[in-house]
């Protein structure tokens, strides 16, 4: 089963979990809310989640540098909303690239 780590992060955050990349690996809180099924998900997708958290941190840093140069409407967005917008744009660009490469392969 392939899991989209960004979707999984969003779902877990919507359910009230906080995920962080710590020196000892993935930290999830509140720990008492982790069910055995969730523990299996964390174990199975730990690498993907850690990579998504690292990517997210990099994008947040880049957006912080870019914020002064954004138009007024974009500057008004919260950091989290701006991050979601950036992630969505990255996803759309990746989908277009994949679709384009499939078209080239079949043509």
Protein backbone atom coordinates (compact mmCIF):
# COMPACT_ATOMS: atom_id res chain seq x y z
CA UNK A 1 0.00 0.00 0.00
CA UNK A 2 1.46 3.33 -1.05
CA UNK A 3 0.75 6.19 1.33
CA UNK A 4 1.08 9.86 0.49
CA UNK A 5 3.05 11.15 3.47
CA UNK A 6 1.68 14.70 3.12
CA UNK A 7 -1.89 13.42 3.20
CA UNK A 8 -1.08 11.21 6.16
CA UNK A 9 0.48 14.16 8.02
CA UNK A 10 -2.57 16.32 7.29
CA UNK A 11 -4.95 13.58 8.46
CA UNK A 12 -3.01 12.98 11.68
CA UNK A 13 -2.85 16.71 12.41
CA UNK A 14 -6.60 17.00 11.79
CA UNK A 15 -7.06 14.24 14.36
CA UNK A 16 -5.07 16.30 16.88
CA UNK A 17 -1.64 14.69 16.62
CA UNK A 18 1.62 16.60 16.55
CA UNK A 19 4.48 15.01 14.63
CA UNK A 20 8.09 16.12 14.87
CA UNK A 21 11.40 14.83 13.63
CA UNK A 22 13.58 14.42 16.71
CA UNK A 23 17.18 13.29 17.10
CA UNK A 24 15.90 9.85 18.07
CA UNK A 25 13.40 9.60 15.21
CA UNK A 26 9.72 10.37 14.85
CA UNK A 27 7.99 11.96 17.83
CA UNK A 28 4.22 11.77 18.00
CA UNK A 29 2.01 13.33 20.62
CA UNK A 30 -0.23 12.86 22.43
CA UNK A 31 1.32 9.45 22.97
CA UNK A 32 -1.66 8.19 24.95
CA UNK A 33 -3.89 8.60 21.87
CA UNK A 34 -1.77 6.29 19.72
CA UNK A 35 -3.69 3.10 19.03
CA UNK A 36 -1.99 -0.17 18.05
CA UNK A 37 -3.22 0.38 14.46
CA UNK A 38 -1.70 3.88 14.39
CA UNK A 39 1.54 2.54 15.83
CA UNK A 40 1.70 0.14 12.87
CA UNK A 41 1.14 3.04 10.45
CA UNK A 42 3.92 5.06 12.11
CA UNK A 43 6.28 2.09 11.99
CA UNK A 44 5.47 1.22 8.38
CA UNK A 45 5.78 4.79 7.12
CA UNK A 46 8.33 6.29 9.50
CA UNK A 47 10.84 7.07 6.77
CA UNK A 48 8.24 8.72 4.55
CA UNK A 49 6.89 10.79 7.45
CA UNK A 50 10.38 11.92 8.50
CA UNK A 51 11.18 12.88 4.90
CA UNK A 52 7.90 14.80 4.60
CA UNK A 53 8.62 16.65 7.86
CA UNK A 54 12.12 17.55 6.62
CA UNK A 55 10.72 18.74 3.28
CA UNK A 56 8.08 20.74 5.11
CA UNK A 57 10.72 22.43 7.25
CA UNK A 58 12.71 23.35 4.13
CA UNK A 59 9.64 24.77 2.39
CA UNK A 60 8.68 26.74 5.51
CA UNK A 61 12.17 28.28 5.62
CA UNK A 62 12.01 29.16 1.93
CA UNK A 63 8.54 30.69 2.31
CA UNK A 64 9.73 32.79 5.25
CA UNK A 65 12.44 34.24 3.03
CA UNK A 66 10.00 34.83 0.18
CA UNK A 67 7.15 36.32 2.23
CA UNK A 68 8.29 39.98 1.91
CA UNK A 69 8.26 39.62 -1.89
CA UNK A 70 4.81 38.01 -2.17
CA UNK A 71 1.78 39.96 -3.25
CA UNK A 72 -0.49 41.40 -0.57
CA UNK A 73 -3.07 38.58 -0.70
CA UNK A 74 -0.44 35.88 -0.30
CA UNK A 75 1.35 37.75 2.49
CA UNK A 76 -1.96 37.81 4.37
CA UNK A 77 -2.06 34.00 4.53
CA UNK A 78 -0.96 32.25 7.69
CA UNK A 79 2.27 30.26 7.56
CA UNK A 80 0.29 27.01 7.57
CA UNK A 81 -2.01 28.15 4.74
CA UNK A 82 0.93 29.37 2.69
CA UNK A 83 2.64 26.01 3.24
CA UNK A 84 -0.48 24.15 2.08
CA UNK A 85 -0.68 26.33 -1.02
CA UNK A 86 2.98 25.69 -1.82
CA UNK A 87 2.56 21.93 -1.30
CA UNK A 88 -0.52 21.90 -3.52
CA UNK A 89 1.37 23.74 -6.28
CA UNK A 90 4.29 21.33 -5.98
CA UNK A 91 1.86 18.39 -6.21
CA UNK A 92 0.13 19.85 -9.30
CA UNK A 93 3.46 20.53 -11.00
CA UNK A 94 4.60 16.96 -10.27
CA UNK A 95 1.34 15.53 -11.66
CA UNK A 96 1.72 17.60 -14.83
CA UNK A 97 5.31 16.44 -15.22
CA UNK A 98 4.27 12.80 -14.81
CA UNK A 99 1.38 13.23 -17.25
CA UNK A 100 3.69 14.95 -19.74
CA UNK A 101 6.31 12.22 -19.51
CA UNK A 102 3.63 9.56 -20.05
CA UNK A 103 2.48 11.42 -23.13
CA UNK A 104 6.03 11.55 -24.46
CA UNK A 105 6.52 7.85 -23.78
CA UNK A 106 3.36 6.88 -25.68
CA UNK A 107 3.94 9.30 -28.54
